[in-house]
């Protein structure tokens, strides 16, 4: 089974809310809510991929020292096995602006379970609740 490495970020604002984005129509798992991030390019470090993805998806600039690894998800889908480290970021430059037309929401960590998320994202919620309350 193919291993797919994807990186995700819990952007945390000054009110301790986490940003989630809705997968747009036409993409796999469309309509589900997820943490921003994406696939790594060949030879790319996870932190560099996350910095690139956050710039492309949300029009914000993040520096590597502002990314703190929190946990990871390991989930077997039918065609591949997903390994997804989750980083926390509390500091970035610019204002979050969804560049791909996706809906975004700032939510409390304890409320994340109220949103339909991909199966791989669900195990990431408990560590966020532990961290943010």
Protein backbone atom coordinates (compact mmCIF):
# COMPACT_ATOMS: atom_id res chain seq x y z
CA UNK A 1 0.00 0.00 0.00
CA UNK A 2 1.31 3.44 -0.95
CA UNK A 3 2.25 5.78 1.92
CA UNK A 4 1.14 9.37 1.43
CA UNK A 5 2.70 12.07 3.59
CA UNK A 6 0.50 15.15 4.05
CA UNK A 7 1.16 18.00 6.47
CA UNK A 8 -1.50 20.00 8.35
CA UNK A 9 -1.60 23.08 10.54
CA UNK A 10 -3.77 24.22 13.41
CA UNK A 11 -3.66 27.99 13.06
CA UNK A 12 -4.58 29.39 16.48
CA UNK A 13 -5.78 32.99 16.80
CA UNK A 14 -5.55 35.34 19.80
CA UNK A 15 -8.87 33.96 21.12
CA UNK A 16 -7.53 30.36 21.06
CA UNK A 17 -9.74 29.42 18.12
CA UNK A 18 -8.54 27.06 15.39
CA UNK A 19 -8.99 27.64 11.66
CA UNK A 20 -10.66 24.93 9.60
CA UNK A 21 -11.31 24.98 5.87
CA UNK A 22 -14.00 23.23 3.86
CA UNK A 23 -12.81 21.07 0.99
CA UNK A 24 -14.12 22.57 -2.27
CA UNK A 25 -16.38 20.83 -4.76
CA UNK A 26 -14.51 18.68 -7.25
CA UNK A 27 -11.91 17.50 -4.73
CA UNK A 28 -11.89 14.16 -2.97
CA UNK A 29 -13.89 14.39 0.31
CA UNK A 30 -15.53 17.63 -0.91
CA UNK A 31 -17.61 19.44 1.69
CA UNK A 32 -15.70 18.07 4.68
CA UNK A 33 -13.84 20.39 7.05
CA UNK A 34 -10.11 19.99 7.56
CA UNK A 35 -7.00 21.66 8.89
CA UNK A 36 -5.14 23.63 6.19
CA UNK A 37 -2.13 21.97 4.62
CA UNK A 38 -1.35 19.58 1.82
CA UNK A 39 0.98 17.17 0.11
CA UNK A 40 4.74 17.45 0.10
CA UNK A 41 6.57 17.99 -3.16
CA UNK A 42 9.44 15.54 -3.84
CA UNK A 43 12.39 16.32 -1.56
CA UNK A 44 10.43 18.94 0.40
CA UNK A 45 10.64 19.17 4.20
CA UNK A 46 7.26 19.03 6.00
CA UNK A 47 7.73 22.54 7.44
CA UNK A 48 8.58 23.97 4.01
CA UNK A 49 5.54 22.26 2.48
CA UNK A 50 3.31 23.72 5.16
CA UNK A 51 4.73 27.22 4.67
CA UNK A 52 4.11 26.88 0.92
CA UNK A 53 0.59 25.47 1.34
CA UNK A 54 -0.47 28.17 3.83
CA UNK A 55 0.73 30.86 1.42
CA UNK A 56 -1.06 29.24 -1.53
CA UNK A 57 -4.32 28.38 0.27
CA UNK A 58 -4.70 31.21 2.78
CA UNK A 59 -2.42 34.02 1.54
CA UNK A 60 -0.45 34.16 4.80
CA UNK A 61 3.28 34.03 5.46
CA UNK A 62 4.58 31.68 8.14
CA UNK A 63 8.16 31.23 9.33
CA UNK A 64 9.46 27.75 10.23
CA UNK A 65 10.28 28.64 13.90
CA UNK A 66 6.56 29.48 14.37
CA UNK A 67 5.52 25.89 13.53
CA UNK A 68 5.41 23.59 16.55
CA UNK A 69 4.73 19.87 15.97
CA UNK A 70 1.85 18.66 18.14
CA UNK A 71 0.77 15.19 17.02
CA UNK A 72 0.14 13.10 13.91
CA UNK A 73 -2.54 10.96 12.34
CA UNK A 74 -2.02 7.59 10.69
CA UNK A 75 -5.02 6.39 8.70
CA UNK A 76 -5.55 3.66 6.12
CA UNK A 77 -7.73 4.71 3.21
CA UNK A 78 -8.69 2.20 0.53
CA UNK A 79 -5.98 3.20 -1.99
CA UNK A 80 -3.24 4.54 0.32
CA UNK A 81 -2.10 4.96 3.91
CA UNK A 82 -2.02 8.57 5.10
CA UNK A 83 0.55 9.88 7.55
CA UNK A 84 -0.22 13.45 8.61
CA UNK A 85 1.82 15.46 11.13
CA UNK A 86 -0.10 18.35 12.70
CA UNK A 87 1.72 21.55 13.57
CA UNK A 88 0.41 24.41 15.69
CA UNK A 89 1.02 27.97 14.55
CA UNK A 90 0.11 31.06 16.59
CA UNK A 91 2.05 33.67 14.61
CA UNK A 92 1.89 34.57 10.93
CA UNK A 93 2.01 37.61 8.69
CA UNK A 94 -0.99 38.83 6.72
CA UNK A 95 -4.69 38.18 7.02
CA UNK A 96 -6.27 34.81 6.31
CA UNK A 97 -7.85 35.04 2.86
CA UNK A 98 -8.93 31.76 1.23
CA UNK A 99 -7.19 31.89 -2.15
CA UNK A 100 -8.97 28.81 -3.56
CA UNK A 101 -12.52 29.95 -2.79
CA UNK A 102 -12.90 27.52 0.10
CA UNK A 103 -15.01 28.36 3.14
CA UNK A 104 -13.06 28.86 6.38
CA UNK A 105 -14.15 29.13 10.02
CA UNK A 106 -12.50 29.91 13.33
CA UNK A 107 -13.80 27.44 15.93
CA UNK A 108 -13.04 26.41 19.50
CA UNK A 109 -11.07 23.16 19.73
CA UNK A 110 -13.81 21.61 21.87
CA UNK A 111 -16.32 22.32 19.06
CA UNK A 112 -14.30 20.68 16.25
CA UNK A 113 -16.27 17.44 16.60
CA UNK A 114 -19.38 19.35 15.46
CA UNK A 115 -17.92 19.55 11.94
CA UNK A 116 -17.80 16.68 9.45
CA UNK A 117 -14.09 16.00 8.93
CA UNK A 118 -12.14 13.36 6.98
CA UNK A 119 -11.49 10.22 9.06
CA UNK A 120 -7.77 11.03 9.31
CA UNK A 121 -8.46 14.42 10.93
CA UNK A 122 -10.60 13.10 13.81
CA UNK A 123 -7.68 11.79 15.96
CA UNK A 124 -6.07 15.25 15.79
CA UNK A 125 -8.90 16.87 17.75
CA UNK A 126 -8.18 15.45 21.24
CA UNK A 127 -4.59 16.79 21.42
CA UNK A 128 -5.89 20.21 20.33
CA UNK A 129 -8.57 20.15 23.03
CA UNK A 130 -5.88 19.19 25.59
CA UNK A 131 -3.72 22.09 24.41
CA UNK A 132 -6.37 24.78 23.97
CA UNK A 133 -9.21 23.69 26.24
